[in-house]
Structures are given as C-alpha cells and as structure tokens.
C-alpha cells in the first residue's frame, strides 16, 4: 500500500495515496470563540468519533448503523481501537459473506493531541474486511479491500473540523457468491457516484453540531 503524508503545521495525517477508482472528500468545520474553548470542544468531538455505536445518533435516523465489534466478533461498548471492526447496516440488502452486513477493520489510529501549540488531530483508517465471526473469509463489503476510509477530527487554532476521506474505492466484484457480486457492483457503483456522500456529510456535521 502506498502512503502519502500530508503535513499541516505539525500535524501529520497518514492517508493512502489515491491510485484507482473513486475517492471521497467530505469536511465540515466550526469556529469557537477562543483556543481554550476550541480545545475542549475538540476533545468532545474526538470522543464522539470514537463512539462508533452511536454514530447514527449524530448522523440522523436515515443513516447507516454502525456497531463496534472486537477481534473475537463480540459487540463492545467502548472507544474504538486498532484491530476492531465496524459492522455496518446500510439501507440496502447486505452481502451473504457478512451475514447481511458490510464489514471494515480499523487498521490504523493516529492521535496527535496537542502535538503543537495550536494544533490537535485524531484519526482512524478502516479497510473492507471479512466478518470475524463467519467461517467465510472473503471480504464482506461492497468495495474491494484496496479501498480505505479515514475519519479525522482536527483543531487548528479556534477552528475544529471533522472529515471523511475515502480512497481507491472500487466495487467488490470478486465476491464468491453470485448474488454478492451483483449486489456489490450495484451498491459500490452507487457509492462511487456520490450516493454515500449524504451519509458522510450528515456524520461530520452531526459530530460538530449535535
């Protein structure tokens, strides 16, 4: 995997290089009255981002539902950690490989709280994965496992922002089941065409304005 490092002041964000397929860039920001207030708010938003089980409460009732699952396939109620999975229920039929759900795994977390006098950042990157509790080890997601999604919250001075950056988004037509191939092609192409953007726009706005 090729990585590209973006540097903003003293904040480093490691996001995969865009090489093929579609990409997603969604961002929302608010500005606070002073840096102390912004720093406190950043910490609140960071906690919301790690609270994956409640993302739908920030994004709204029409959004996908996310559940945080540990490496043993058990649902957990705690901040997200590297190696955890997201079990995702989208408003469309799910893949048989994931028992009706799409799955991603957290492959990286970067926490740069107070990394510079005026900057803070936290982010996690996920990649399509198999259902950890299913004997079927094929990727259970409408995108291939070349795709990634990075969820980031940042503070620069009085400005606090949240963003979702997707890279290398290609439909997963390598699925074993014929039904999954067709489903992934349909849902994946829709996501590449921008149909997933309202979900991410609702999430980043909800994290900052709820």
Foldseek 3Di string as FASTA:
>chain_A
DAWDWDQDPNDIDIDHDFDDAFKDKAKDKDFDPFLVVLLVLLVQLVQVVQQQQCLCVLLDPQAKGWFKAALQLHTDGDGDDARIKIWIAHPDFFDVQQVRTWMKGWHDWDWCRCVDVFKTKIKIKIFFFTRSNDPRGDGGHLFDRVKMKMWMWMTGTRMIMIIIMIHDGDGDLVDPDNVSNVVSNVVSVCVSVPPCVSNRNSSRCSSNPD
